[in-house]
Amino acid sequence: MKVKYQNPILPGYADPDVYLENGTYYLYATSYRYDVWISTDLVHWEKKPNTAITAPVWGMDRWHWAPDVKRLPDGRLLMAASVQEHLGLLTATSPEGPFVPEENFLFDCSIDGHIFVDDDGTVYLYYVSWRKDHRYGLYGCILDPVTLRPVEGSERPIIYPEAPYECQQAPVAEAPYMLKFDGKYVLTYSGSHFESPFYCVAALQSDHPLEGFVRDETNPILVGNTTEISGCGHHCIVTTPSGELALLYHTHHAPGKIHPRDLAIDPLYWNGEHLSCPGPSREGEI
């Protein structure tokens, strides 16, 4: 059964991720130590009293950006977290946390980690990096399923921001989020500076999870404007209670006013070749 919604569905947040378990959606977003929200329909949300992280991690305790949560084949819950522009991993036994950090972070000068578990159980991590000897862009690597460290030699550059829709106010490619359709890897991401009204969601396609990605000819698949809804991006992709896909993303608070950013949702469609989203919208049904 579909549910009607009005955007924004949750004011005051940005960079969302949603994890689904046993009919409950858990939402995490950029916030101090990551607030935890729960829902059964993606529209009505309840804030839990605890945060996902309960103490400083890796000696750092500010700029908690863009969390991402997935369950590993061995049953552990894994969070990729960006804290003070350091990217690392944390584990938990419950989606509500607490998430406990691994002993060391993975990379400095890196953010926006996204975990993808392939059909064969291989665990991939996608992220933004500009650390030493790395040109700013999107990267990916394989994670060792036991140590949760990058497999040596597996890191690959995915793209560097160069397309016009990636270069509004600054050349930016960030917020990777992977889908797989019939063997096709579709890596969605956001382009342009987050302060730009034309911050957007775009897609790449490849037959390999770490190489050969090509920008979709229909890009961008979601983009804001200067007059109605601006700054649409840094999304996650969720399966709705009706079994369809939806794009959950943040927007500027209003055209000409970036903060506090708000969360919105719209349907997402795959036609066998391309993704499309009818948003940004003020209301709809998922």
Protein backbone atom coordinates (compact mmCIF):
# COMPACT_ATOMS: atom_id res chain seq x y z
CA MET A 1 0.00 0.00 0.00
CA LYS A 2 1.40 3.38 -0.98
CA VAL A 3 1.76 6.33 1.40
CA LYS A 4 1.24 9.99 0.61
CA TYR A 5 4.00 12.40 1.57
CA GLN A 6 4.68 16.11 1.73
CA ASN A 7 8.22 17.44 1.40
CA PRO A 8 10.18 18.10 3.46
CA ILE A 9 9.58 14.86 5.34
CA LEU A 10 12.14 15.73 8.02
CA PRO A 11 13.37 19.31 8.46
CA GLY A 12 16.82 20.20 9.70
CA TYR A 13 18.99 17.37 8.35
CA ALA A 14 21.31 16.65 5.44
CA ASP A 15 23.26 13.75 3.89
CA PRO A 16 20.78 10.99 4.83
CA ASP A 17 21.22 7.24 4.92
CA VAL A 18 18.45 4.72 5.61
CA TYR A 19 18.88 1.13 6.74
CA LEU A 20 15.88 -1.27 6.64
CA GLU A 21 15.52 -4.20 9.03
CA ASN A 22 12.42 -6.23 9.94
CA GLY A 23 10.05 -3.62 8.55
CA THR A 24 11.64 -0.69 10.40
CA TYR A 25 13.59 2.05 8.65
CA TYR A 26 16.52 3.56 10.54
CA LEU A 27 17.63 6.99 9.36
CA TYR A 28 21.03 8.52 10.08
CA ALA A 29 22.22 11.89 8.79
CA THR A 30 24.79 14.61 9.31
CA SER A 31 24.38 15.56 12.99
CA TYR A 32 26.47 15.50 16.17
CA ARG A 33 27.32 11.82 16.77
CA TYR A 34 24.50 10.91 14.37
CA ASP A 35 20.91 11.15 15.59
CA VAL A 36 18.84 8.00 14.99
CA TRP A 37 15.29 8.19 13.62
CA ILE A 38 12.92 5.28 12.99
CA SER A 39 9.88 4.86 10.73
CA THR A 40 7.71 2.14 9.24
CA ASP A 41 6.67 4.10 6.14
CA LEU A 42 9.55 6.54 5.30
CA VAL A 43 7.20 9.49 5.88
CA HIS A 44 6.49 9.63 9.62
CA TRP A 45 9.64 9.61 11.77
CA GLU A 46 10.34 9.18 15.50
CA LYS A 47 13.62 10.35 17.02
CA LYS A 48 15.35 7.92 19.38
CA PRO A 49 16.84 9.37 22.58
CA ASN A 50 20.34 8.05 21.87
CA THR A 51 22.84 8.87 19.15
CA ALA A 52 24.48 6.17 17.01
CA ILE A 53 27.93 7.12 18.36
CA THR A 54 28.27 7.77 22.09
CA ALA A 55 31.89 8.95 22.42
CA PRO A 56 34.67 10.58 20.39
CA VAL A 57 36.12 8.36 17.66
CA TRP A 58 39.79 8.29 16.61
CA GLY A 59 40.37 11.21 18.96
CA MET A 60 37.87 13.39 17.08
CA ASP A 61 34.42 14.66 18.01
CA ARG A 62 33.12 17.18 15.46
CA TRP A 63 32.00 17.35 11.82
CA HIS A 64 30.05 14.09 11.92
CA TRP A 65 29.03 13.91 8.27
CA ALA A 66 27.25 11.52 5.94
CA PRO A 67 26.96 8.15 7.73
CA ASP A 68 26.20 4.94 5.82
CA VAL A 69 25.05 1.64 7.38
CA LYS A 70 24.92 -1.86 5.88
CA ARG A 71 24.82 -5.40 7.27
CA LEU A 72 27.77 -7.58 6.33
CA PRO A 73 27.47 -11.23 5.25
CA ASP A 74 28.85 -12.28 8.67
CA GLY A 75 25.98 -10.47 10.42
CA ARG A 76 27.83 -7.42 11.70
CA LEU A 77 26.34 -3.99 11.17
CA LEU A 78 28.92 -1.71 9.58
CA MET A 79 28.87 2.09 9.53
CA ALA A 80 31.08 4.24 7.33
CA ALA A 81 31.52 7.57 9.10
CA SER A 82 33.19 10.86 8.20
CA VAL A 83 34.51 12.67 11.28
CA GLN A 84 36.63 15.80 10.84
CA GLU A 85 37.28 14.80 7.23
CA HIS A 86 38.63 11.40 8.27
CA LEU A 87 36.83 8.31 6.93
CA GLY A 88 36.54 5.21 9.08
CA LEU A 89 34.38 2.25 10.03
CA LEU A 90 32.37 1.33 13.11
CA THR A 91 30.42 -1.81 14.02
CA ALA A 92 27.30 -2.49 16.08
CA THR A 93 24.90 -5.28 16.98
CA SER A 94 21.79 -3.09 16.77
CA PRO A 95 20.76 -0.47 14.20
CA GLU A 96 20.21 1.93 17.10
CA GLY A 97 23.84 1.53 18.12
CA PRO A 98 26.07 2.16 19.82
CA PHE A 99 28.47 1.89 16.88
CA VAL A 100 31.99 1.13 18.09
CA PRO A 101 34.90 2.43 16.01
CA GLU A 102 37.60 0.24 14.57
CA GLU A 103 40.98 0.94 16.13
CA ASN A 104 42.12 3.30 13.38
CA PHE A 105 40.40 5.35 10.69
CA LEU A 106 40.95 4.34 7.06
CA PHE A 107 41.86 7.59 5.28
CA ASP A 108 42.44 11.23 6.09
CA CYS A 109 41.16 13.95 3.72
CA SER A 110 38.29 11.62 2.78
CA ILE A 111 34.51 11.70 3.33
CA ASP A 112 31.17 10.25 2.21
CA GLY A 113 31.84 6.54 2.62
CA HIS A 114 29.30 4.15 1.10
CA ILE A 115 29.30 0.37 1.66
CA PHE A 116 28.11 -2.00 -1.05
CA VAL A 117 27.87 -5.78 -0.65
CA ASP A 118 27.88 -7.55 -4.01
CA ASP A 119 25.97 -10.73 -4.82
CA ASP A 120 29.05 -12.86 -4.13
CA GLY A 121 29.57 -11.28 -0.69
CA THR A 122 32.46 -9.02 -1.72
CA VAL A 123 32.35 -5.79 0.30
CA TYR A 124 33.15 -2.57 -1.54
CA LEU A 125 33.68 0.90 -0.13
CA TYR A 126 33.13 4.04 -2.23
CA TYR A 127 34.16 7.50 -1.04
CA VAL A 128 35.49 10.96 -1.85
CA SER A 129 39.21 11.50 -1.33
CA TRP A 130 41.78 14.22 -1.82
CA ARG A 131 44.51 12.78 0.41
CA LYS A 132 48.19 12.73 -0.52
CA ASP A 133 48.85 11.52 -4.07
CA HIS A 134 45.10 11.48 -4.82
CA ARG A 135 43.46 13.90 -7.19
CA TYR A 136 40.11 15.00 -5.73
CA GLY A 137 37.37 12.64 -6.92
CA LEU A 138 35.36 9.49 -6.28
CA TYR A 139 37.26 6.32 -5.40
CA GLY A 140 36.42 2.72 -4.58
CA CYS A 141 38.16 -0.25 -2.99
CA ILE A 142 37.50 -3.76 -1.68
CA LEU A 143 37.31 -4.25 2.08
CA ASP A 144 38.77 -7.34 3.71
CA PRO A 145 35.68 -8.94 5.34
CA VAL A 146 37.61 -9.91 8.47
CA THR A 147 39.96 -6.99 9.15
CA LEU A 148 37.73 -4.31 7.56
CA ARG A 149 40.80 -2.75 5.98
CA PRO A 150 41.19 -1.99 2.26
CA VAL A 151 42.56 -4.93 0.28
CA GLU A 152 46.02 -3.92 -0.89
CA GLY A 153 46.06 -2.78 -4.51
CA SER A 154 42.25 -2.77 -4.86
CA GLU A 155 41.67 1.01 -4.79
CA ARG A 156 40.57 2.57 -8.08
CA PRO A 157 39.59 6.09 -9.11
CA ILE A 158 35.97 6.17 -10.29
CA ILE A 159 35.58 9.70 -11.72
CA TYR A 160 36.93 13.20 -11.32
CA PRO A 161 34.42 16.11 -11.51
CA GLU A 162 34.51 17.52 -15.03
CA ALA A 163 30.97 17.56 -16.46
CA PRO A 164 29.06 20.89 -16.36
CA TYR A 165 26.53 19.56 -13.83
CA GLU A 166 29.47 18.63 -11.56
CA CYS A 167 31.07 22.08 -11.66
CA GLN A 168 28.49 24.63 -10.46
CA GLN A 169 30.33 26.90 -7.95
CA ALA A 170 33.11 24.30 -7.71
CA PRO A 171 34.08 20.97 -9.33
CA VAL A 172 32.59 18.37 -6.97
CA ALA A 173 31.65 14.70 -7.18
CA GLU A 174 30.52 13.25 -3.84
CA ALA A 175 27.94 11.14 -2.01
CA PRO A 176 28.34 7.84 -3.92
CA TYR A 177 25.53 5.26 -3.66
CA MET A 178 25.61 1.96 -5.56
CA LEU A 179 22.78 -0.04 -7.12
CA LYS A 180 22.96 -3.20 -9.24
CA PHE A 181 20.46 -4.15 -11.92
CA ASP A 182 20.84 -7.46 -13.80
CA GLY A 183 24.63 -7.36 -13.59
CA LYS A 184 24.89 -3.63 -14.35
CA TYR A 185 26.57 -1.48 -11.69
CA VAL A 186 24.88 1.92 -11.38
CA LEU A 187 26.79 4.27 -9.09
CA THR A 188 24.75 7.34 -8.23
CA TYR A 189 26.41 10.44 -6.77
CA SER A 190 26.02 14.19 -6.34
CA GLY A 191 27.65 16.87 -8.46
CA SER A 192 28.55 20.54 -7.88
CA HIS A 193 29.08 22.45 -4.63
CA PHE A 194 26.39 21.73 -2.04
CA GLU A 195 25.71 25.46 -1.74
CA SER A 196 24.79 25.71 -5.41
CA PRO A 197 21.07 25.80 -6.25
CA PHE A 198 21.96 23.30 -8.98
CA TYR A 199 23.50 20.69 -6.69
CA CYS A 200 22.26 17.47 -8.24
CA VAL A 201 22.08 13.68 -8.36
CA ALA A 202 23.65 11.89 -11.31
CA ALA A 203 24.53 8.32 -12.28
CA LEU A 204 27.41 6.29 -13.68
CA GLN A 205 27.19 2.84 -15.26
CA SER A 206 29.69 0.00 -15.63
CA ASP A 207 29.90 -3.76 -15.99
CA HIS A 208 32.53 -3.81 -13.22
CA PRO A 209 32.20 -2.51 -9.63
CA LEU A 210 35.48 -0.55 -9.68
CA GLU A 211 36.34 0.24 -13.29
CA GLY A 212 34.97 1.49 -16.57
CA PHE A 213 32.27 3.83 -15.30
CA VAL A 214 30.57 6.06 -17.86
CA ARG A 215 28.34 9.03 -17.09
CA ASP A 216 24.70 8.37 -17.92
CA GLU A 217 23.51 10.35 -20.93
CA THR A 218 20.38 11.36 -19.01
CA ASN A 219 22.33 13.11 -16.21
CA PRO A 220 21.42 14.75 -13.94
CA ILE A 221 18.51 12.64 -12.76
CA LEU A 222 17.54 15.13 -10.04
CA VAL A 223 18.49 18.81 -9.90
CA GLY A 224 17.33 21.84 -7.96
CA ASN A 225 16.68 25.36 -9.22
CA THR A 226 16.75 28.96 -8.01
CA THR A 227 13.03 29.61 -7.66
CA GLU A 228 11.27 26.64 -6.01
CA ILE A 229 13.39 23.83 -4.54
CA SER A 230 17.16 24.24 -4.57
CA GLY A 231 20.25 22.29 -3.60
CA CYS A 232 18.85 18.78 -4.18
CA GLY A 233 21.38 16.04 -3.56
CA HIS A 234 23.45 13.85 -1.26
CA HIS A 235 20.93 11.06 -1.32
CA CYS A 236 20.38 7.47 -0.38
CA ILE A 237 18.16 4.97 -2.17
CA VAL A 238 15.52 2.97 -0.31
CA THR A 239 12.94 0.30 -1.01
CA THR A 240 9.50 1.56 -0.01
CA PRO A 241 6.90 -0.52 1.87
CA SER A 242 5.18 -1.08 -1.49
CA GLY A 243 8.37 -2.64 -2.85
CA GLU A 244 9.43 0.20 -5.15
CA LEU A 245 12.49 2.44 -5.13
CA ALA A 246 12.65 5.95 -3.71
CA LEU A 247 15.31 8.64 -3.61
CA LEU A 248 15.74 10.28 -0.20
CA TYR A 249 17.84 13.46 -0.42
CA HIS A 250 18.40 16.84 1.16
CA THR A 251 17.46 20.28 -0.13
CA HIS A 252 18.29 23.84 0.82
CA HIS A 253 15.93 25.24 3.42
CA ALA A 254 14.59 27.59 0.74
CA PRO A 255 15.90 29.21 -2.43
CA GLY A 256 18.54 31.69 -1.29
CA LYS A 257 18.75 30.11 2.20
CA ILE A 258 20.89 27.00 2.48
CA HIS A 259 20.64 26.16 6.20
CA PRO A 260 19.08 24.37 7.94
CA ARG A 261 18.80 21.85 5.16
CA ASP A 262 15.78 19.54 4.96
CA LEU A 263 15.11 15.95 3.87
CA ALA A 264 12.82 15.12 0.98
CA ILE A 265 11.75 11.97 -0.84
CA ASP A 266 10.53 11.12 -4.34
CA PRO A 267 10.02 7.93 -6.36
CA LEU A 268 12.96 6.52 -8.33
CA TYR A 269 12.51 4.43 -11.48
CA TRP A 270 14.74 2.07 -13.46
CA ASN A 271 13.53 1.36 -17.01
CA GLY A 272 16.17 -1.25 -17.77
CA GLU A 273 18.63 1.32 -19.11
CA HIS A 274 18.41 4.51 -17.05
CA LEU A 275 17.33 5.84 -13.66
CA SER A 276 14.79 8.66 -13.47
CA CYS A 277 13.19 10.68 -10.69
CA PRO A 278 10.11 12.92 -11.11
CA GLY A 279 11.32 15.28 -8.37
CA PRO A 280 11.98 17.55 -6.77
CA SER A 281 8.38 17.72 -5.65
CA ARG A 282 6.32 19.20 -2.86
CA GLU A 283 4.12 16.13 -2.46
CA GLY A 284 3.50 12.72 -3.89
CA GLU A 285 3.04 9.04 -3.13
CA ILE A 286 5.54 6.26 -2.49
